[in-house]
Amino acid sequence: MFEKALDIFEQIHLNFDSVTYTVVFNACAGLANDRAIKIGQKLFDEMPENYRNDNVVLSSALHMLMKFGDIQNAECIFRSNKKKDIITYNALINGYNLNDESSKCFKILEEMRHEGIVPNDITWNILIGACSQIGMIHRCEYIIDRIPLDIQNKRQIQNSLIDMRGKCGSVEKAQIAFKSIDDRDTVTYNTMINAFGLNGMGSEAIQLYKQMPNYLRDEVSHICVLNACSHSGLVHEARNIFDEITFKTEKIITIMVRVA
């Protein structure tokens, strides 16, 4: 899809507008290969000044540069923008997260507070992801305490909190979050199963996997429970689960080979 977008871009003389720039920058970010870097950088360098004040265009360019690993130029774009909004800040925070610079995310959160920019669902989701990367439970709880309750109670945020707490070793709190969700989806179950697995609780992971409605199970569900079995040395249980899986993908087979 992204390759196709760049093919069209190179073959047709387009009348550039904010939508065109955004689409091409996003395509380059999606590919992040040599061709995309060359096209994206050239397009940005030649972009007229009037588009450099468009936050949607700038945010897509910032995201593209972050995907290229060009943090310095992405930061330059951000700092040169005189009318920063939540879209711009989210692009920067997400970029730091993508480049394993999670600690910088929290500094930007403080800058947002100072500038009167109110974080939205996307901001908090990115920050929760940053907490998952650094694995510092005190930092995680500090961030959670700042999330407004109306946002904190949303399923997507709760799913992210389960993931974060699982990766930080706080399984009991992950379970509390899991049990508080009434409309659990595939991601909710998969994330909790994975949290058990990461913390050597293979039996609990298997139990939850068996409680999970069949229609919600996907490839990730099978992989998570097999990984949990692997971490806990439950080879026999893994084989039983593997035998019951109707459609065995290459990834599932690879995991099972590793378990055995």
C-alpha atoms as a PDB file:
ATOM      1  CA  MET A   1       0.000   0.000   0.000  1.00  0.00           C
ATOM      2  CA  PHE A   2       2.710   2.498   0.983  1.00  0.00           C
ATOM      3  CA  GLU A   3       4.861   1.459  -1.984  1.00  0.00           C
ATOM      4  CA  LYS A   4       1.870   2.050  -4.264  1.00  0.00           C
ATOM      5  CA  ALA A   5       1.391   5.536  -2.833  1.00  0.00           C
ATOM      6  CA  LEU A   6       5.027   6.422  -3.556  1.00  0.00           C
ATOM      7  CA  ASP A   7       4.770   4.932  -7.063  1.00  0.00           C
ATOM      8  CA  ILE A   8       1.841   7.239  -7.800  1.00  0.00           C
ATOM      9  CA  PHE A   9       3.688  10.173  -6.257  1.00  0.00           C
ATOM     10  CA  GLU A  10       6.710   9.640  -8.527  1.00  0.00           C
ATOM     11  CA  GLN A  11       4.699   8.977 -11.697  1.00  0.00           C
ATOM     12  CA  ILE A  12       2.151  11.771 -11.537  1.00  0.00           C
ATOM     13  CA  HIS A  13       2.729  15.512 -11.263  1.00  0.00           C
ATOM     14  CA  LEU A  14       0.491  16.341  -8.357  1.00  0.00           C
ATOM     15  CA  ASN A  15      -0.822  19.691  -7.246  1.00  0.00           C
ATOM     16  CA  PHE A  16       0.421  19.631  -3.696  1.00  0.00           C
ATOM     17  CA  ASP A  17      -1.828  20.584  -0.837  1.00  0.00           C
ATOM     18  CA  SER A  18      -1.849  19.734   2.860  1.00  0.00           C
ATOM     19  CA  VAL A  19      -3.552  16.381   2.210  1.00  0.00           C
ATOM     20  CA  THR A  20      -0.963  15.356  -0.406  1.00  0.00           C
ATOM     21  CA  TYR A  21       1.952  16.208   1.865  1.00  0.00           C
ATOM     22  CA  THR A  22       0.375  14.349   4.767  1.00  0.00           C
ATOM     23  CA  VAL A  23      -0.335  11.227   2.687  1.00  0.00           C
ATOM     24  CA  VAL A  24       3.183  11.067   1.220  1.00  0.00           C
ATOM     25  CA  PHE A  25       4.877  11.728   4.575  1.00  0.00           C
ATOM     26  CA  ASN A  26       2.769   8.975   6.169  1.00  0.00           C
ATOM     27  CA  ALA A  27       3.627   6.580   3.336  1.00  0.00           C
ATOM     28  CA  CYS A  28       7.332   7.318   3.804  1.00  0.00           C
ATOM     29  CA  ALA A  29       6.973   6.770   7.555  1.00  0.00           C
ATOM     30  CA  GLY A  30       5.209   3.463   6.945  1.00  0.00           C
ATOM     31  CA  LEU A  31       8.045   2.195   4.746  1.00  0.00           C
ATOM     32  CA  ALA A  32      11.056   3.867   6.387  1.00  0.00           C
ATOM     33  CA  ASN A  33      13.411   2.320   3.798  1.00  0.00           C
ATOM     34  CA  ASP A  34      16.110   3.990   1.671  1.00  0.00           C
ATOM     35  CA  ARG A  35      13.658   4.995  -1.033  1.00  0.00           C
ATOM     36  CA  ALA A  36      11.191   6.447   1.465  1.00  0.00           C
ATOM     37  CA  ILE A  37      13.920   8.365   3.310  1.00  0.00           C
ATOM     38  CA  LYS A  38      15.146   9.918   0.055  1.00  0.00           C
ATOM     39  CA  ILE A  39      11.655  10.926  -1.119  1.00  0.00           C
ATOM     40  CA  GLY A  40      10.434  12.099   2.278  1.00  0.00           C
ATOM     41  CA  GLN A  41      13.497  14.195   3.063  1.00  0.00           C
ATOM     42  CA  LYS A  42      13.491  15.840  -0.390  1.00  0.00           C
ATOM     43  CA  LEU A  43       9.777  16.585  -0.204  1.00  0.00           C
ATOM     44  CA  PHE A  44      10.111  18.144   3.225  1.00  0.00           C
ATOM     45  CA  ASP A  45      13.149  20.233   2.249  1.00  0.00           C
ATOM     46  CA  GLU A  46      11.273  21.644  -0.767  1.00  0.00           C
ATOM     47  CA  MET A  47       7.953  22.186   1.015  1.00  0.00           C
ATOM     48  CA  PRO A  48       6.739  25.823   0.754  1.00  0.00           C
ATOM     49  CA  GLU A  49       6.758  27.940   3.893  1.00  0.00           C
ATOM     50  CA  ASN A  50       2.963  28.212   4.134  1.00  0.00           C
ATOM     51  CA  TYR A  51       2.662  24.465   4.805  1.00  0.00           C
ATOM     52  CA  ARG A  52       5.212  24.695   7.602  1.00  0.00           C
ATOM     53  CA  ASN A  53       2.561  26.365   9.742  1.00  0.00           C
ATOM     54  CA  ASP A  54       0.061  23.534   9.221  1.00  0.00           C
ATOM     55  CA  ASN A  55       0.124  21.365  12.350  1.00  0.00           C
ATOM     56  CA  VAL A  56      -1.271  18.276  10.619  1.00  0.00           C
ATOM     57  CA  VAL A  57       1.385  18.439   7.882  1.00  0.00           C
ATOM     58  CA  LEU A  58       4.160  19.194  10.376  1.00  0.00           C
ATOM     59  CA  SER A  59       3.075  16.374  12.670  1.00  0.00           C
ATOM     60  CA  SER A  60       3.138  13.870   9.802  1.00  0.00           C
ATOM     61  CA  ALA A  61       6.609  15.134   8.808  1.00  0.00           C
ATOM     62  CA  LEU A  62       7.760  14.876  12.427  1.00  0.00           C
ATOM     63  CA  HIS A  63       6.406  11.328  12.658  1.00  0.00           C
ATOM     64  CA  MET A  64       8.178  10.437   9.407  1.00  0.00           C
ATOM     65  CA  LEU A  65      11.537  11.720  10.629  1.00  0.00           C
ATOM     66  CA  MET A  66      11.123   9.871  13.918  1.00  0.00           C
ATOM     67  CA  LYS A  67      10.442   6.658  11.976  1.00  0.00           C
ATOM     68  CA  PHE A  68      13.676   7.346  10.083  1.00  0.00           C
ATOM     69  CA  GLY A  69      15.456   7.636  13.448  1.00  0.00           C
ATOM     70  CA  ASP A  70      16.249  11.289  12.729  1.00  0.00           C
ATOM     71  CA  ILE A  71      15.376  12.582  16.191  1.00  0.00           C
ATOM     72  CA  GLN A  72      17.407  15.784  15.898  1.00  0.00           C
ATOM     73  CA  ASN A  73      15.585  17.090  12.814  1.00  0.00           C
ATOM     74  CA  ALA A  74      12.234  15.993  14.225  1.00  0.00           C
ATOM     75  CA  GLU A  75      12.959  18.041  17.350  1.00  0.00           C
ATOM     76  CA  CYS A  76      13.914  21.015  15.165  1.00  0.00           C
ATOM     77  CA  ILE A  77      10.529  20.827  13.426  1.00  0.00           C
ATOM     78  CA  PHE A  78       8.794  20.705  16.787  1.00  0.00           C
ATOM     79  CA  ARG A  79      10.726  23.616  18.299  1.00  0.00           C
ATOM     80  CA  SER A  80      10.288  25.807  15.208  1.00  0.00           C
ATOM     81  CA  ASN A  81       6.505  25.430  15.375  1.00  0.00           C
ATOM     82  CA  LYS A  82       5.046  28.504  17.071  1.00  0.00           C
ATOM     83  CA  LYS A  83       1.508  27.116  17.280  1.00  0.00           C
ATOM     84  CA  LYS A  84       1.963  23.705  18.854  1.00  0.00           C
ATOM     85  CA  ASP A  85      -1.189  21.741  19.618  1.00  0.00           C
ATOM     86  CA  ILE A  86      -2.042  18.309  21.001  1.00  0.00           C
ATOM     87  CA  ILE A  87      -1.409  16.668  17.593  1.00  0.00           C
ATOM     88  CA  THR A  88       2.136  18.058  17.492  1.00  0.00           C
ATOM     89  CA  TYR A  89       2.905  17.028  21.059  1.00  0.00           C
ATOM     90  CA  ASN A  90       1.528  13.525  20.517  1.00  0.00           C
ATOM     91  CA  ALA A  91       3.688  13.098  17.409  1.00  0.00           C
ATOM     92  CA  LEU A  92       6.809  14.079  19.371  1.00  0.00           C
ATOM     93  CA  ILE A  93       6.029  11.857  22.366  1.00  0.00           C
ATOM     94  CA  ASN A  94       5.231   8.913  20.114  1.00  0.00           C
ATOM     95  CA  GLY A  95       8.470   9.506  18.219  1.00  0.00           C
ATOM     96  CA  TYR A  96      10.523   9.360  21.405  1.00  0.00           C
ATOM     97  CA  ASN A  97       8.770   6.121  22.309  1.00  0.00           C
ATOM     98  CA  LEU A  98       9.534   4.622  18.892  1.00  0.00           C
ATOM     99  CA  ASN A  99      13.214   5.454  19.332  1.00  0.00           C
ATOM    100  CA  ASP A 100      13.570   4.092  22.890  1.00  0.00           C
ATOM    101  CA  GLU A 101      13.822   7.604  24.333  1.00  0.00           C
ATOM    102  CA  SER A 102      10.941   7.033  26.738  1.00  0.00           C
ATOM    103  CA  SER A 103      12.368   9.206  29.514  1.00  0.00           C
ATOM    104  CA  LYS A 104      11.964  12.268  27.276  1.00  0.00           C
ATOM    105  CA  CYS A 105       8.222  11.597  27.024  1.00  0.00           C
ATOM    106  CA  PHE A 106       7.714  12.569  30.653  1.00  0.00           C
ATOM    107  CA  LYS A 107       9.606  15.842  30.224  1.00  0.00           C
ATOM    108  CA  ILE A 108       7.312  16.716  27.326  1.00  0.00           C
ATOM    109  CA  LEU A 109       4.289  15.954  29.527  1.00  0.00           C
ATOM    110  CA  GLU A 110       5.528  18.588  31.978  1.00  0.00           C
ATOM    111  CA  GLU A 111       6.072  21.022  29.107  1.00  0.00           C
ATOM    112  CA  MET A 112       2.493  20.422  27.973  1.00  0.00           C
ATOM    113  CA  ARG A 113       1.222  21.214  31.460  1.00  0.00           C
ATOM    114  CA  HIS A 114       3.276  24.419  31.496  1.00  0.00           C
ATOM    115  CA  GLU A 115       1.910  25.433  28.064  1.00  0.00           C
ATOM    116  CA  GLY A 116      -1.685  24.624  28.993  1.00  0.00           C
ATOM    117  CA  ILE A 117      -1.999  21.753  26.487  1.00  0.00           C
ATOM    118  CA  VAL A 118      -4.420  19.141  27.855  1.00  0.00           C
ATOM    119  CA  PRO A 119      -3.407  15.504  27.164  1.00  0.00           C
ATOM    120  CA  ASN A 120      -6.007  13.373  25.371  1.00  0.00           C
ATOM    121  CA  ASP A 121      -6.603   9.610  25.150  1.00  0.00           C
ATOM    122  CA  ILE A 122      -3.810   9.225  22.593  1.00  0.00           C
ATOM    123  CA  THR A 123      -1.324  11.100  24.787  1.00  0.00           C
ATOM    124  CA  TRP A 124      -2.024   8.922  27.805  1.00  0.00           C
ATOM    125  CA  ASN A 125      -1.872   5.746  25.739  1.00  0.00           C
ATOM    126  CA  ILE A 126       1.574   6.714  24.423  1.00  0.00           C
ATOM    127  CA  LEU A 127       2.772   7.599  27.924  1.00  0.00           C
ATOM    128  CA  ILE A 128       1.542   4.275  29.298  1.00  0.00           C
ATOM    129  CA  GLY A 129       3.537   2.612  26.515  1.00  0.00           C
ATOM    130  CA  ALA A 130       6.580   4.625  27.571  1.00  0.00           C
ATOM    131  CA  CYS A 131       6.128   3.376  31.141  1.00  0.00           C
ATOM    132  CA  SER A 132       5.981  -0.191  29.816  1.00  0.00           C
ATOM    133  CA  GLN A 133       9.331   0.307  28.102  1.00  0.00           C
ATOM    134  CA  ILE A 134      11.202   1.626  31.128  1.00  0.00           C
ATOM    135  CA  GLY A 135       9.531  -0.814  33.567  1.00  0.00           C
ATOM    136  CA  MET A 136       9.691   1.563  36.555  1.00  0.00           C
ATOM    137  CA  ILE A 137       6.632   0.925  38.710  1.00  0.00           C
ATOM    138  CA  HIS A 138       6.835   4.219  40.646  1.00  0.00           C
ATOM    139  CA  ARG A 139       6.886   6.175  37.384  1.00  0.00           C
ATOM    140  CA  CYS A 140       3.962   4.093  36.118  1.00  0.00           C
ATOM    141  CA  GLU A 141       1.824   4.798  39.173  1.00  0.00           C
ATOM    142  CA  TYR A 142       2.700   8.505  38.979  1.00  0.00           C
ATOM    143  CA  ILE A 143       1.394   8.618  35.399  1.00  0.00           C
ATOM    144  CA  ILE A 144      -1.734   6.596  36.243  1.00  0.00           C
ATOM    145  CA  ASP A 145      -2.609   8.976  39.080  1.00  0.00           C
ATOM    146  CA  ARG A 146      -2.627  11.863  36.593  1.00  0.00           C
ATOM    147  CA  ILE A 147      -4.983  10.241  34.072  1.00  0.00           C
ATOM    148  CA  PRO A 148      -8.538  11.630  34.456  1.00  0.00           C
ATOM    149  CA  LEU A 149     -11.000   8.937  35.565  1.00  0.00           C
ATOM    150  CA  ASP A 150     -13.239   9.342  32.510  1.00  0.00           C
ATOM    151  CA  ILE A 151     -10.242   8.491  30.300  1.00  0.00           C
ATOM    152  CA  GLN A 152      -8.775   5.909  32.675  1.00  0.00           C
ATOM    153  CA  ASN A 153     -11.997   3.875  32.573  1.00  0.00           C
ATOM    154  CA  LYS A 154     -11.959   3.490  28.783  1.00  0.00           C
ATOM    155  CA  ARG A 155     -11.240  -0.046  27.601  1.00  0.00           C
ATOM    156  CA  GLN A 156      -8.305   0.885  25.361  1.00  0.00           C
ATOM    157  CA  ILE A 157      -6.598   2.676  28.250  1.00  0.00           C
ATOM    158  CA  GLN A 158      -7.357  -0.186  30.649  1.00  0.00           C
ATOM    159  CA  ASN A 159      -5.860  -2.658  28.160  1.00  0.00           C
ATOM    160  CA  SER A 160      -2.704  -0.547  28.027  1.00  0.00           C
ATOM    161  CA  LEU A 161      -2.592  -0.383  31.829  1.00  0.00           C
ATOM    162  CA  ILE A 162      -2.789  -4.189  32.060  1.00  0.00           C
ATOM    163  CA  ASP A 163       0.129  -4.432  29.635  1.00  0.00           C
ATOM    164  CA  MET A 164       2.157  -1.826  31.512  1.00  0.00           C
ATOM    165  CA  ARG A 165       1.597  -3.388  34.922  1.00  0.00           C
ATOM    166  CA  GLY A 166       2.389  -6.840  33.599  1.00  0.00           C
ATOM    167  CA  LYS A 167       5.697  -5.622  32.182  1.00  0.00           C
ATOM    168  CA  CYS A 168       6.486  -3.845  35.444  1.00  0.00           C
ATOM    169  CA  GLY A 169       5.835  -6.985  37.509  1.00  0.00           C
ATOM    170  CA  SER A 170       2.684  -5.648  39.157  1.00  0.00           C
ATOM    171  CA  VAL A 171       0.452  -8.603  38.237  1.00  0.00           C
ATOM    172  CA  GLU A 172      -2.076  -8.119  41.039  1.00  0.00           C
ATOM    173  CA  LYS A 173      -2.863  -4.601  39.856  1.00  0.00           C
ATOM    174  CA  ALA A 174      -3.032  -5.870  36.274  1.00  0.00           C
ATOM    175  CA  GLN A 175      -5.654  -8.394  37.427  1.00  0.00           C
ATOM    176  CA  ILE A 176      -7.629  -5.669  39.189  1.00  0.00           C
ATOM    177  CA  ALA A 177      -7.685  -3.668  35.955  1.00  0.00           C
ATOM    178  CA  PHE A 178      -8.704  -6.781  34.001  1.00  0.00           C
ATOM    179  CA  LYS A 179     -11.586  -7.591  36.345  1.00  0.00           C
ATOM    180  CA  SER A 180     -12.843  -3.997  36.223  1.00  0.00           C
ATOM    181  CA  ILE A 181     -13.477  -4.234  32.459  1.00  0.00           C
ATOM    182  CA  ASP A 182     -17.008  -5.408  31.679  1.00  0.00           C
ATOM    183  CA  ASP A 183     -16.752  -5.463  27.872  1.00  0.00           C
ATOM    184  CA  ARG A 184     -13.485  -7.394  27.553  1.00  0.00           C
ATOM    185  CA  ASP A 185     -12.229  -7.799  24.004  1.00  0.00           C
ATOM    186  CA  THR A 186      -9.505  -9.920  22.405  1.00  0.00           C
ATOM    187  CA  VAL A 187      -6.800  -7.420  23.375  1.00  0.00           C
ATOM    188  CA  THR A 188      -7.944  -7.437  27.020  1.00  0.00           C
ATOM    189  CA  TYR A 189      -7.595 -11.211  27.312  1.00  0.00           C
ATOM    190  CA  ASN A 190      -4.376 -11.422  25.298  1.00  0.00           C
ATOM    191  CA  THR A 191      -2.733  -8.702  27.360  1.00  0.00           C
ATOM    192  CA  MET A 192      -3.632 -10.354  30.675  1.00  0.00           C
ATOM    193  CA  ILE A 193      -2.502 -13.793  29.442  1.00  0.00           C
ATOM    194  CA  ASN A 194       0.782 -12.213  28.355  1.00  0.00           C
ATOM    195  CA  ALA A 195       1.149 -10.470  31.735  1.00  0.00           C
ATOM    196  CA  PHE A 196       0.835 -13.829  33.491  1.00  0.00           C
ATOM    197  CA  GLY A 197       3.364 -15.355  31.112  1.00  0.00           C
ATOM    198  CA  LEU A 198       5.940 -12.604  31.583  1.00  0.00           C
ATOM    199  CA  ASN A 199       5.810 -13.135  35.338  1.00  0.00           C
ATOM    200  CA  GLY A 200       6.187 -16.918  35.332  1.00  0.00           C
ATOM    201  CA  MET A 201       2.515 -17.589  36.027  1.00  0.00           C
ATOM    202  CA  GLY A 202       1.947 -20.144  33.283  1.00  0.00           C
ATOM    203  CA  SER A 203      -0.883 -21.992  35.032  1.00  0.00           C
ATOM    204  CA  GLU A 204      -2.843 -18.766  35.478  1.00  0.00           C
ATOM    205  CA  ALA A 205      -2.257 -17.903  31.813  1.00  0.00           C
ATOM    206  CA  ILE A 206      -3.636 -21.299  30.735  1.00  0.00           C
ATOM    207  CA  GLN A 207      -6.645 -20.953  33.020  1.00  0.00           C
ATOM    208  CA  LEU A 208      -7.524 -17.534  31.584  1.00  0.00           C
ATOM    209  CA  TYR A 209      -6.952 -18.768  28.027  1.00  0.00           C
ATOM    210  CA  LYS A 210      -9.476 -21.551  28.646  1.00  0.00           C
ATOM    211  CA  GLN A 211     -11.960 -19.039  30.094  1.00  0.00           C
ATOM    212  CA  MET A 212     -11.571 -16.798  27.035  1.00  0.00           C
ATOM    213  CA  PRO A 213     -14.530 -17.142  24.634  1.00  0.00           C
ATOM    214  CA  ASN A 214     -13.518 -19.068  21.509  1.00  0.00           C
ATOM    215  CA  TYR A 215     -14.776 -16.340  19.188  1.00  0.00           C
ATOM    216  CA  LEU A 216     -12.346 -13.861  20.760  1.00  0.00           C
ATOM    217  CA  ARG A 217      -9.247 -16.018  20.349  1.00  0.00           C
ATOM    218  CA  ASP A 218      -6.812 -15.113  17.589  1.00  0.00           C
ATOM    219  CA  GLU A 219      -3.236 -15.931  16.608  1.00  0.00           C
ATOM    220  CA  VAL A 220      -1.872 -13.658  19.340  1.00  0.00           C
ATOM    221  CA  SER A 221      -3.954 -15.481  21.984  1.00  0.00           C
ATOM    222  CA  HIS A 222      -2.365 -18.804  21.034  1.00  0.00           C
ATOM    223  CA  ILE A 223       1.125 -17.304  20.911  1.00  0.00           C
ATOM    224  CA  CYS A 224       0.720 -15.627  24.326  1.00  0.00           C
ATOM    225  CA  VAL A 225      -0.408 -18.794  26.088  1.00  0.00           C
ATOM    226  CA  LEU A 226       2.276 -20.941  24.422  1.00  0.00           C
ATOM    227  CA  ASN A 227       4.913 -18.389  25.429  1.00  0.00           C
ATOM    228  CA  ALA A 228       3.536 -18.479  28.973  1.00  0.00           C
ATOM    229  CA  CYS A 229       3.906 -22.269  28.964  1.00  0.00           C
ATOM    230  CA  SER A 230       7.468 -21.870  27.701  1.00  0.00           C
ATOM    231  CA  HIS A 231       8.430 -19.431  30.477  1.00  0.00           C
ATOM    232  CA  SER A 232       7.001 -21.783  33.116  1.00  0.00           C
ATOM    233  CA  GLY A 233       8.306 -25.046  31.641  1.00  0.00           C
ATOM    234  CA  LEU A 234       4.807 -26.404  31.001  1.00  0.00           C
ATOM    235  CA  VAL A 235       5.686 -28.479  27.931  1.00  0.00           C
ATOM    236  CA  HIS A 236       2.888 -31.061  28.260  1.00  0.00           C
ATOM    237  CA  GLU A 237       0.236 -28.362  28.684  1.00  0.00           C
ATOM    238  CA  ALA A 238       1.621 -26.479  25.681  1.00  0.00           C
ATOM    239  CA  ARG A 239       1.332 -29.595  23.506  1.00  0.00           C
ATOM    240  CA  ASN A 240      -2.293 -30.094  24.546  1.00  0.00           C
ATOM    241  CA  ILE A 241      -3.134 -26.489  23.683  1.00  0.00           C
ATOM    242  CA  PHE A 242      -1.243 -26.711  20.391  1.00  0.00           C
ATOM    243  CA  ASP A 243      -3.150 -29.866  19.398  1.00  0.00           C
ATOM    244  CA  GLU A 244      -6.466 -28.075  19.966  1.00  0.00           C
ATOM    245  CA  ILE A 245      -5.602 -25.106  17.725  1.00  0.00           C
ATOM    246  CA  THR A 246      -7.522 -25.523  14.471  1.00  0.00           C
ATOM    247  CA  PHE A 247      -5.495 -23.183  12.273  1.00  0.00           C
ATOM    248  CA  LYS A 248      -1.786 -23.339  13.057  1.00  0.00           C
ATOM    249  CA  THR A 249       0.084 -20.395  11.540  1.00  0.00           C
ATOM    250  CA  GLU A 250       3.830 -20.341  10.949  1.00  0.00           C
ATOM    251  CA  LYS A 251       4.319 -18.164  14.042  1.00  0.00           C
ATOM    252  CA  ILE A 252       2.354 -20.579  16.232  1.00  0.00           C
ATOM    253  CA  ILE A 253       4.348 -23.562  14.946  1.00  0.00           C
ATOM    254  CA  THR A 254       7.628 -21.691  15.545  1.00  0.00           C
ATOM    255  CA  ILE A 255       6.647 -20.955  19.154  1.00  0.00           C
ATOM    256  CA  MET A 256       5.662 -24.588  19.732  1.00  0.00           C
ATOM    257  CA  VAL A 257       8.994 -25.828  18.362  1.00  0.00           C
ATOM    258  CA  ARG A 258      10.731 -23.531  20.826  1.00  0.00           C
ATOM    259  CA  VAL A 259       8.601 -24.780  23.735  1.00  0.00           C
ATOM    260  CA  ALA A 260       9.257 -28.430  22.904  1.00  0.00           C
END
